[in-house]
């Protein structure tokens, strides 16, 4: 039997689901490897997904707690798009993905894990990043520790 090591998952197992909005908590703090915030803009932030679909999975969200996209101001929408483009560019430069899944899940039924605070997912993709593990073992392999990914991407965001 082969062993798949994923020690960062223990935090999720022991801690369980956080109370409150983790984006709002992160928005009130300085960027750090603890909160996984890569960059704060005037009205939005870029944060790594603590339980990623793939290595380098980022989220862009307004700093203000807003549930629906129609409540965003024109300035917030523009800055969300600017941060999204910055994020894609940093990921391209640092991680060299071959494509991206970019999307917004609005409402629990649409797959939103945090439906109270609107956010955009940016998931870098590579050929072969899907394999038999999710199908046969219900396991997704994330090949790089999240703290290592944070350090790499943080450097890219600092150069913007």
N, C-alpha and C. Protein backbone atom coordinates (compact mmCIF):
# COMPACT_ATOMS: atom_id res chain seq x y z
N UNK A 1 0.85 -1.18 0.00
CA UNK A 1 0.00 0.00 0.00
C UNK A 1 0.88 1.24 0.00
N UNK A 2 0.54 2.20 -0.83
CA UNK A 2 1.27 3.46 -0.86
C UNK A 2 0.57 4.45 0.07
N UNK A 3 1.37 5.33 0.65
CA UNK A 3 0.84 6.33 1.59
C UNK A 3 0.90 7.70 0.95
N UNK A 4 -0.17 8.43 1.04
CA UNK A 4 -0.23 9.80 0.55
C UNK A 4 -0.20 10.71 1.77
N UNK A 5 0.88 11.44 1.95
CA UNK A 5 1.03 12.33 3.09
C UNK A 5 0.37 13.68 2.81
N UNK A 6 -0.49 14.13 3.68
CA UNK A 6 -1.14 15.44 3.59
C UNK A 6 -1.32 15.99 5.00
N UNK A 7 -0.21 16.31 5.69
CA UNK A 7 -0.28 16.69 7.10
C UNK A 7 -1.08 17.96 7.38
N UNK A 8 -1.18 18.86 6.40
CA UNK A 8 -1.94 20.08 6.62
C UNK A 8 -3.44 19.82 6.79
N UNK A 9 -3.92 18.65 6.37
CA UNK A 9 -5.33 18.32 6.52
C UNK A 9 -5.73 18.13 7.98
N UNK A 10 -4.75 17.82 8.86
CA UNK A 10 -5.06 17.62 10.28
C UNK A 10 -5.66 18.88 10.90
N UNK A 11 -5.21 20.04 10.44
CA UNK A 11 -5.78 21.29 10.94
C UNK A 11 -7.28 21.31 10.68
N UNK A 12 -7.69 20.90 9.49
CA UNK A 12 -9.10 20.87 9.13
C UNK A 12 -9.86 19.83 9.96
N UNK A 13 -9.24 18.67 10.15
CA UNK A 13 -9.88 17.60 10.90
C UNK A 13 -10.09 18.00 12.36
N UNK A 14 -9.05 18.53 12.98
CA UNK A 14 -9.14 18.90 14.40
C UNK A 14 -9.99 20.15 14.63
N UNK A 15 -9.80 21.11 13.75
CA UNK A 15 -10.43 22.41 13.94
C UNK A 15 -11.89 22.41 13.50
N UNK A 16 -12.19 21.68 12.44
CA UNK A 16 -13.54 21.69 11.89
C UNK A 16 -13.81 23.00 11.17
N UNK A 17 -15.05 23.23 10.88
CA UNK A 17 -15.45 24.43 10.16
C UNK A 17 -15.34 25.65 11.06
N UNK A 18 -14.70 26.69 10.52
CA UNK A 18 -14.53 27.93 11.28
C UNK A 18 -15.87 28.64 11.44
N UNK A 19 -16.02 29.29 12.57
CA UNK A 19 -17.20 30.14 12.77
C UNK A 19 -16.91 31.50 12.18
N UNK A 20 -17.94 32.11 11.63
CA UNK A 20 -17.76 33.43 11.04
C UNK A 20 -17.18 33.34 9.64
N UNK A 21 -16.79 34.46 9.13
CA UNK A 21 -16.31 34.57 7.76
C UNK A 21 -14.78 34.64 7.76
N UNK A 22 -14.14 33.62 7.21
CA UNK A 22 -12.67 33.60 7.20
C UNK A 22 -12.11 34.70 6.29
N UNK A 23 -12.85 35.13 5.28
CA UNK A 23 -12.38 36.21 4.42
C UNK A 23 -12.37 37.52 5.19
N UNK A 24 -13.43 37.79 5.95
CA UNK A 24 -13.47 39.01 6.77
C UNK A 24 -12.37 39.01 7.82
N UNK A 25 -12.14 37.84 8.42
CA UNK A 25 -11.05 37.73 9.41
C UNK A 25 -9.72 38.05 8.74
N UNK A 26 -9.48 37.45 7.59
CA UNK A 26 -8.23 37.70 6.86
C UNK A 26 -8.12 39.15 6.40
N UNK A 27 -9.25 39.75 6.01
CA UNK A 27 -9.25 41.14 5.55
C UNK A 27 -8.85 42.11 6.65
N UNK A 28 -9.07 41.73 7.90
CA UNK A 28 -8.74 42.60 9.02
C UNK A 28 -7.28 42.46 9.47
N UNK A 29 -6.53 41.58 8.80
CA UNK A 29 -5.15 41.30 9.18
C UNK A 29 -4.19 41.66 8.05
N UNK A 30 -2.92 41.75 8.40
CA UNK A 30 -1.89 41.95 7.39
C UNK A 30 -1.65 40.61 6.68
N UNK A 31 -1.27 40.66 5.40
CA UNK A 31 -0.97 39.41 4.69
C UNK A 31 0.12 38.61 5.41
N UNK A 32 -0.10 37.30 5.51
CA UNK A 32 0.88 36.43 6.16
C UNK A 32 0.65 34.99 5.72
N UNK A 33 1.63 34.15 5.98
CA UNK A 33 1.48 32.73 5.64
C UNK A 33 0.46 32.06 6.54
N UNK A 34 0.14 32.67 7.67
CA UNK A 34 -0.88 32.11 8.57
C UNK A 34 -2.29 32.28 8.00
N UNK A 35 -2.60 33.50 7.51
CA UNK A 35 -3.95 33.73 6.96
C UNK A 35 -4.00 33.49 5.45
N UNK A 36 -2.85 33.25 4.83
CA UNK A 36 -2.72 32.94 3.40
C UNK A 36 -3.12 34.09 2.48
N UNK A 37 -3.16 35.32 3.00
CA UNK A 37 -3.43 36.49 2.16
C UNK A 37 -2.15 36.83 1.41
N UNK A 38 -2.25 36.89 0.10
CA UNK A 38 -1.10 37.21 -0.73
C UNK A 38 -0.98 38.70 -1.00
N UNK A 39 -2.11 39.37 -1.14
CA UNK A 39 -2.09 40.81 -1.43
C UNK A 39 -3.42 41.43 -1.04
N UNK A 40 -3.32 42.62 -0.45
CA UNK A 40 -4.51 43.42 -0.18
C UNK A 40 -4.44 44.67 -1.05
N UNK A 41 -5.52 44.92 -1.72
CA UNK A 41 -5.67 46.12 -2.52
C UNK A 41 -6.52 47.10 -1.69
N UNK A 42 -6.96 48.16 -2.30
CA UNK A 42 -7.79 49.13 -1.57
C UNK A 42 -9.13 48.53 -1.15
N UNK A 43 -9.75 47.74 -2.05
CA UNK A 43 -11.09 47.22 -1.77
C UNK A 43 -11.21 45.71 -1.86
N UNK A 44 -10.15 45.02 -2.27
CA UNK A 44 -10.21 43.56 -2.43
C UNK A 44 -8.93 42.92 -1.90
N UNK A 45 -8.98 41.60 -1.78
CA UNK A 45 -7.77 40.86 -1.39
C UNK A 45 -7.66 39.61 -2.24
N UNK A 46 -6.43 39.10 -2.30
CA UNK A 46 -6.15 37.81 -2.94
C UNK A 46 -5.69 36.89 -1.82
N UNK A 47 -6.37 35.76 -1.69
CA UNK A 47 -6.08 34.81 -0.63
C UNK A 47 -6.01 33.40 -1.23
N UNK A 48 -5.12 32.59 -0.68
CA UNK A 48 -5.05 31.20 -1.12
C UNK A 48 -6.19 30.41 -0.49
N UNK A 49 -6.68 29.44 -1.22
CA UNK A 49 -7.70 28.54 -0.68
C UNK A 49 -6.98 27.55 0.24
N UNK A 50 -7.38 27.54 1.51
CA UNK A 50 -6.74 26.67 2.50
C UNK A 50 -6.95 25.18 2.19
N UNK A 51 -8.01 24.86 1.49
CA UNK A 51 -8.31 23.47 1.10
C UNK A 51 -8.49 23.45 -0.41
N UNK A 52 -7.37 23.56 -1.14
CA UNK A 52 -7.41 23.81 -2.58
C UNK A 52 -7.88 22.63 -3.43
N UNK A 53 -8.45 22.97 -4.58
CA UNK A 53 -8.79 21.97 -5.59
C UNK A 53 -7.52 21.55 -6.33
N UNK A 54 -6.55 22.47 -6.39
CA UNK A 54 -5.31 22.22 -7.08
C UNK A 54 -4.24 23.14 -6.49
N UNK A 55 -2.98 22.82 -6.69
CA UNK A 55 -1.90 23.67 -6.22
C UNK A 55 -2.05 25.07 -6.80
N UNK A 56 -1.93 26.09 -5.96
CA UNK A 56 -2.04 27.47 -6.42
C UNK A 56 -3.46 28.00 -6.51
N UNK A 57 -4.44 27.29 -5.95
CA UNK A 57 -5.84 27.72 -5.98
C UNK A 57 -5.99 29.02 -5.18
N UNK A 58 -6.37 30.08 -5.85
CA UNK A 58 -6.52 31.40 -5.22
C UNK A 58 -7.98 31.83 -5.23
N UNK A 59 -8.27 32.81 -4.37
CA UNK A 59 -9.59 33.44 -4.37
C UNK A 59 -9.38 34.95 -4.30
N UNK A 60 -10.20 35.67 -5.03
CA UNK A 60 -10.21 37.13 -4.99
C UNK A 60 -11.56 37.53 -4.43
N UNK A 61 -11.54 38.40 -3.41
CA UNK A 61 -12.79 38.77 -2.74
C UNK A 61 -12.77 40.23 -2.32
N UNK A 62 -13.95 40.86 -2.25
CA UNK A 62 -13.99 42.22 -1.71
C UNK A 62 -13.65 42.20 -0.22
N UNK A 63 -13.05 43.27 0.26
CA UNK A 63 -12.76 43.37 1.69
C UNK A 63 -14.05 43.48 2.50
N UNK A 64 -15.03 44.18 1.94
CA UNK A 64 -16.32 44.30 2.63
C UNK A 64 -17.11 43.01 2.48
N UNK A 65 -17.81 42.66 3.52
CA UNK A 65 -18.62 41.44 3.54
C UNK A 65 -19.86 41.65 2.68
N UNK A 66 -19.83 41.05 1.49
CA UNK A 66 -20.96 41.16 0.56
C UNK A 66 -21.30 39.78 0.05
N UNK A 67 -22.58 39.49 0.04
CA UNK A 67 -23.07 38.16 -0.33
C UNK A 67 -23.29 38.01 -1.84
N UNK A 68 -23.73 39.06 -2.48
CA UNK A 68 -24.18 38.96 -3.87
C UNK A 68 -23.39 39.89 -4.79
N UNK A 69 -23.17 39.45 -6.02
CA UNK A 69 -22.40 40.25 -6.96
C UNK A 69 -23.08 41.57 -7.31
N UNK A 70 -24.41 41.59 -7.26
CA UNK A 70 -25.11 42.83 -7.63
C UNK A 70 -24.97 43.93 -6.57
N UNK A 71 -24.41 43.61 -5.42
CA UNK A 71 -24.20 44.63 -4.38
C UNK A 71 -22.81 45.27 -4.47
N UNK A 72 -21.99 44.79 -5.40
CA UNK A 72 -20.64 45.35 -5.56
C UNK A 72 -20.71 46.70 -6.27
N UNK A 73 -19.89 47.63 -5.83
CA UNK A 73 -19.81 48.93 -6.50
C UNK A 73 -19.00 48.78 -7.78
N UNK A 74 -19.08 49.78 -8.64
CA UNK A 74 -18.29 49.77 -9.87
C UNK A 74 -16.79 49.69 -9.56
N UNK A 75 -16.38 50.41 -8.52
CA UNK A 75 -14.98 50.41 -8.12
C UNK A 75 -14.53 49.04 -7.63
N UNK A 76 -15.40 48.38 -6.85
CA UNK A 76 -15.07 47.03 -6.37
C UNK A 76 -14.99 46.05 -7.54
N UNK A 77 -15.92 46.15 -8.48
CA UNK A 77 -15.90 45.25 -9.64
C UNK A 77 -14.63 45.43 -10.46
N UNK A 78 -14.23 46.68 -10.67
CA UNK A 78 -13.01 46.94 -11.43
C UNK A 78 -11.80 46.39 -10.69
N UNK A 79 -11.73 46.63 -9.39
CA UNK A 79 -10.58 46.16 -8.63
C UNK A 79 -10.56 44.63 -8.53
N UNK A 80 -11.74 44.00 -8.45
CA UNK A 80 -11.80 42.53 -8.48
C UNK A 80 -11.18 42.01 -9.78
N UNK A 81 -11.54 42.64 -10.90
CA UNK A 81 -11.00 42.21 -12.20
C UNK A 81 -9.50 42.48 -12.28
N UNK A 82 -9.06 43.64 -11.78
CA UNK A 82 -7.62 43.94 -11.78
C UNK A 82 -6.86 42.90 -10.95
N UNK A 83 -7.38 42.56 -9.77
CA UNK A 83 -6.74 41.57 -8.90
C UNK A 83 -6.77 40.18 -9.53
N UNK A 84 -7.86 39.87 -10.23
CA UNK A 84 -7.96 38.60 -10.95
C UNK A 84 -6.88 38.51 -12.03
N UNK A 85 -6.72 39.57 -12.80
CA UNK A 85 -5.70 39.59 -13.85
C UNK A 85 -4.30 39.51 -13.25
N UNK A 86 -4.06 40.27 -12.17
CA UNK A 86 -2.77 40.17 -11.47
C UNK A 86 -2.50 38.74 -11.02
N UNK A 87 -3.53 38.10 -10.46
CA UNK A 87 -3.39 36.73 -9.96
C UNK A 87 -3.04 35.76 -11.07
N UNK A 88 -3.74 35.87 -12.19
CA UNK A 88 -3.46 35.01 -13.34
C UNK A 88 -2.03 35.23 -13.83
N UNK A 89 -1.62 36.49 -13.90
CA UNK A 89 -0.26 36.79 -14.36
C UNK A 89 0.81 36.24 -13.42
N UNK A 90 0.59 36.37 -12.11
CA UNK A 90 1.56 35.83 -11.14
C UNK A 90 1.60 34.31 -11.25
N UNK A 91 0.44 33.68 -11.32
CA UNK A 91 0.41 32.22 -11.45
C UNK A 91 1.12 31.76 -12.73
N UNK A 92 0.87 32.47 -13.84
CA UNK A 92 1.52 32.11 -15.09
C UNK A 92 3.04 32.21 -14.97
N UNK A 93 3.51 33.27 -14.36
CA UNK A 93 4.95 33.49 -14.24
C UNK A 93 5.61 32.50 -13.28
N UNK A 94 4.98 32.26 -12.13
CA UNK A 94 5.60 31.44 -11.09
C UNK A 94 5.36 29.94 -11.30
N UNK A 95 4.11 29.58 -11.61
CA UNK A 95 3.75 28.16 -11.64
C UNK A 95 3.60 27.59 -13.04
N UNK A 96 3.51 28.46 -14.04
CA UNK A 96 3.42 28.06 -15.44
C UNK A 96 2.31 27.05 -15.74
N UNK A 97 1.07 27.35 -15.31
CA UNK A 97 -0.04 26.44 -15.65
C UNK A 97 -0.35 26.51 -17.14
N UNK A 98 -1.03 25.48 -17.60
CA UNK A 98 -1.42 25.41 -19.01
C UNK A 98 -2.83 25.93 -19.24
N UNK A 99 -3.54 26.24 -18.17
CA UNK A 99 -4.89 26.76 -18.26
C UNK A 99 -5.41 27.10 -16.88
N UNK A 100 -6.64 27.58 -16.83
CA UNK A 100 -7.27 27.98 -15.56
C UNK A 100 -8.74 27.63 -15.56
N UNK A 101 -9.26 27.31 -14.39
CA UNK A 101 -10.70 27.35 -14.14
C UNK A 101 -10.90 28.60 -13.29
N UNK A 102 -11.75 29.50 -13.76
CA UNK A 102 -12.04 30.73 -13.03
C UNK A 102 -13.55 30.84 -12.91
N UNK A 103 -14.04 31.04 -11.67
CA UNK A 103 -15.49 31.10 -11.52
C UNK A 103 -15.96 31.60 -10.18
N UNK A 104 -17.25 31.87 -10.14
CA UNK A 104 -17.92 32.33 -8.93
C UNK A 104 -19.08 31.38 -8.65
N UNK A 105 -19.13 30.84 -7.45
CA UNK A 105 -20.25 30.00 -7.03
C UNK A 105 -21.16 30.87 -6.18
N UNK A 106 -22.35 31.15 -6.68
CA UNK A 106 -23.30 32.01 -5.96
C UNK A 106 -24.38 31.13 -5.35
N UNK A 107 -24.39 31.02 -4.03
CA UNK A 107 -25.37 30.21 -3.32
C UNK A 107 -24.88 28.81 -3.05
N UNK A 108 -25.35 28.24 -1.97
CA UNK A 108 -24.93 26.90 -1.55
C UNK A 108 -25.24 25.84 -2.62
N UNK A 109 -26.39 25.93 -3.24
CA UNK A 109 -26.80 24.95 -4.24
C UNK A 109 -25.87 24.97 -5.46
N UNK A 110 -25.19 26.12 -5.67
CA UNK A 110 -24.25 26.26 -6.79
C UNK A 110 -22.84 25.82 -6.40
N UNK A 111 -22.67 25.39 -5.16
CA UNK A 111 -21.37 24.89 -4.73
C UNK A 111 -20.58 25.82 -3.86
N UNK A 112 -21.17 26.94 -3.45
CA UNK A 112 -20.44 27.88 -2.60
C UNK A 112 -20.22 27.29 -1.21
N UNK A 113 -18.96 27.11 -0.85
CA UNK A 113 -18.63 26.65 0.50
C UNK A 113 -18.78 27.77 1.50
N UNK A 114 -18.55 28.99 1.06
CA UNK A 114 -18.77 30.19 1.85
C UNK A 114 -19.70 31.07 1.04
N UNK A 115 -20.98 30.92 1.29
CA UNK A 115 -21.95 31.65 0.47
C UNK A 115 -22.20 33.07 0.97
N UNK A 116 -21.71 33.40 2.16
CA UNK A 116 -21.98 34.72 2.74
C UNK A 116 -21.06 35.81 2.21
N UNK A 117 -19.94 35.45 1.60
CA UNK A 117 -18.97 36.45 1.13
C UNK A 117 -18.56 36.08 -0.29
N UNK A 118 -18.98 36.89 -1.23
CA UNK A 118 -18.73 36.62 -2.64
C UNK A 118 -17.22 36.56 -2.91
N UNK A 119 -16.80 35.63 -3.75
CA UNK A 119 -15.39 35.51 -4.09
C UNK A 119 -15.26 34.78 -5.43
N UNK A 120 -14.14 35.05 -6.09
CA UNK A 120 -13.84 34.44 -7.38
C UNK A 120 -12.74 33.41 -7.18
N UNK A 121 -12.97 32.20 -7.67
CA UNK A 121 -11.96 31.15 -7.60
C UNK A 121 -11.08 31.20 -8.85
N UNK A 122 -9.78 31.02 -8.64
CA UNK A 122 -8.81 30.90 -9.73
C UNK A 122 -8.05 29.60 -9.48
N UNK A 123 -8.28 28.62 -10.33
CA UNK A 123 -7.64 27.31 -10.15
C UNK A 123 -6.73 27.05 -11.34
N UNK A 124 -5.41 27.06 -11.12
CA UNK A 124 -4.49 26.74 -12.21
C UNK A 124 -4.59 25.27 -12.58
N UNK A 125 -4.40 24.98 -13.88
CA UNK A 125 -4.54 23.60 -14.37
C UNK A 125 -3.35 23.23 -15.25
N UNK A 126 -2.98 21.98 -15.18
CA UNK A 126 -1.91 21.41 -15.99
C UNK A 126 -2.42 20.13 -16.63
N UNK A 127 -1.88 19.81 -17.80
CA UNK A 127 -2.20 18.52 -18.40
C UNK A 127 -1.78 17.41 -17.46
N UNK A 128 -2.68 16.49 -17.21
CA UNK A 128 -2.37 15.38 -16.31
C UNK A 128 -2.59 15.67 -14.85
N UNK A 129 -3.13 16.85 -14.51
CA UNK A 129 -3.36 17.12 -13.08
C UNK A 129 -4.59 16.40 -12.54
N UNK A 130 -5.35 15.79 -13.42
CA UNK A 130 -6.42 14.91 -12.98
C UNK A 130 -5.99 13.49 -13.31
N UNK A 131 -6.26 12.59 -12.40
CA UNK A 131 -5.84 11.21 -12.61
C UNK A 131 -6.84 10.28 -11.94
N UNK A 132 -6.44 9.06 -11.71
CA UNK A 132 -7.34 8.06 -11.15
C UNK A 132 -7.67 8.26 -9.68
N UNK A 133 -6.84 9.03 -8.95
CA UNK A 133 -7.02 9.15 -7.50
C UNK A 133 -8.41 9.68 -7.10
N UNK A 134 -8.89 10.78 -7.69
CA UNK A 134 -10.22 11.25 -7.30
C UNK A 134 -11.33 10.25 -7.65
N UNK A 135 -11.15 9.54 -8.73
CA UNK A 135 -12.18 8.61 -9.20
C UNK A 135 -12.20 7.34 -8.36
N UNK A 136 -11.05 6.73 -8.19
CA UNK A 136 -10.98 5.45 -7.50
C UNK A 136 -10.84 5.56 -5.98
N UNK A 137 -10.13 6.58 -5.53
CA UNK A 137 -9.84 6.69 -4.10
C UNK A 137 -10.50 7.89 -3.44
N UNK A 138 -11.28 8.67 -4.20
CA UNK A 138 -11.91 9.88 -3.67
C UNK A 138 -10.87 10.76 -2.98
N UNK A 139 -9.69 10.87 -3.61
CA UNK A 139 -8.56 11.61 -3.05
C UNK A 139 -7.96 12.49 -4.12
N UNK A 140 -7.74 13.74 -3.81
CA UNK A 140 -7.07 14.67 -4.72
C UNK A 140 -5.65 14.85 -4.23
N UNK A 141 -4.69 14.69 -5.10
CA UNK A 141 -3.28 14.85 -4.74
C UNK A 141 -2.87 16.30 -5.00
N UNK A 142 -2.41 16.96 -3.95
CA UNK A 142 -1.86 18.31 -4.06
C UNK A 142 -0.36 18.14 -3.85
N UNK A 143 0.46 18.30 -4.91
CA UNK A 143 1.85 17.91 -4.83
C UNK A 143 2.79 18.85 -4.08
N UNK A 144 2.32 20.01 -3.68
CA UNK A 144 3.20 20.96 -2.99
C UNK A 144 2.53 21.43 -1.71
N UNK A 145 3.31 21.54 -0.64
CA UNK A 145 2.77 22.03 0.62
C UNK A 145 2.29 23.46 0.45
N UNK A 146 1.18 23.80 1.05
CA UNK A 146 0.56 25.11 0.86
C UNK A 146 1.46 26.25 1.31
N UNK A 147 2.27 26.04 2.33
CA UNK A 147 3.20 27.09 2.81
C UNK A 147 4.29 27.34 1.77
N UNK A 148 4.73 26.30 1.08
CA UNK A 148 5.73 26.47 0.02
C UNK A 148 5.12 27.23 -1.16
N UNK A 149 3.91 26.89 -1.52
CA UNK A 149 3.21 27.61 -2.59
C UNK A 149 3.03 29.07 -2.21
N UNK A 150 2.66 29.32 -0.95
CA UNK A 150 2.47 30.69 -0.47
C UNK A 150 3.76 31.50 -0.67
N UNK A 151 4.89 30.95 -0.24
CA UNK A 151 6.17 31.67 -0.35
C UNK A 151 6.49 32.01 -1.82
N UNK A 152 6.27 31.06 -2.69
CA UNK A 152 6.52 31.32 -4.11
C UNK A 152 5.62 32.43 -4.66
N UNK A 153 4.33 32.32 -4.39
CA UNK A 153 3.38 33.29 -4.94
C UNK A 153 3.51 34.66 -4.28
N UNK A 154 3.80 34.68 -2.99
CA UNK A 154 3.97 35.96 -2.28
C UNK A 154 5.06 36.79 -2.95
N UNK A 155 6.16 36.14 -3.30
CA UNK A 155 7.24 36.84 -4.00
C UNK A 155 6.76 37.43 -5.32
N UNK A 156 5.92 36.70 -6.04
CA UNK A 156 5.37 37.20 -7.29
C UNK A 156 4.46 38.40 -7.09
N UNK A 157 3.65 38.37 -6.06
CA UNK A 157 2.75 39.51 -5.79
C UNK A 157 3.53 40.73 -5.30
N UNK A 158 4.61 40.50 -4.61
CA UNK A 158 5.43 41.64 -4.13
C UNK A 158 6.08 42.39 -5.29
N UNK A 159 6.27 41.73 -6.41
CA UNK A 159 6.89 42.36 -7.57
C UNK A 159 5.90 43.13 -8.44
N UNK A 160 4.62 43.07 -8.12
CA UNK A 160 3.61 43.80 -8.93
C UNK A 160 3.76 45.30 -8.78
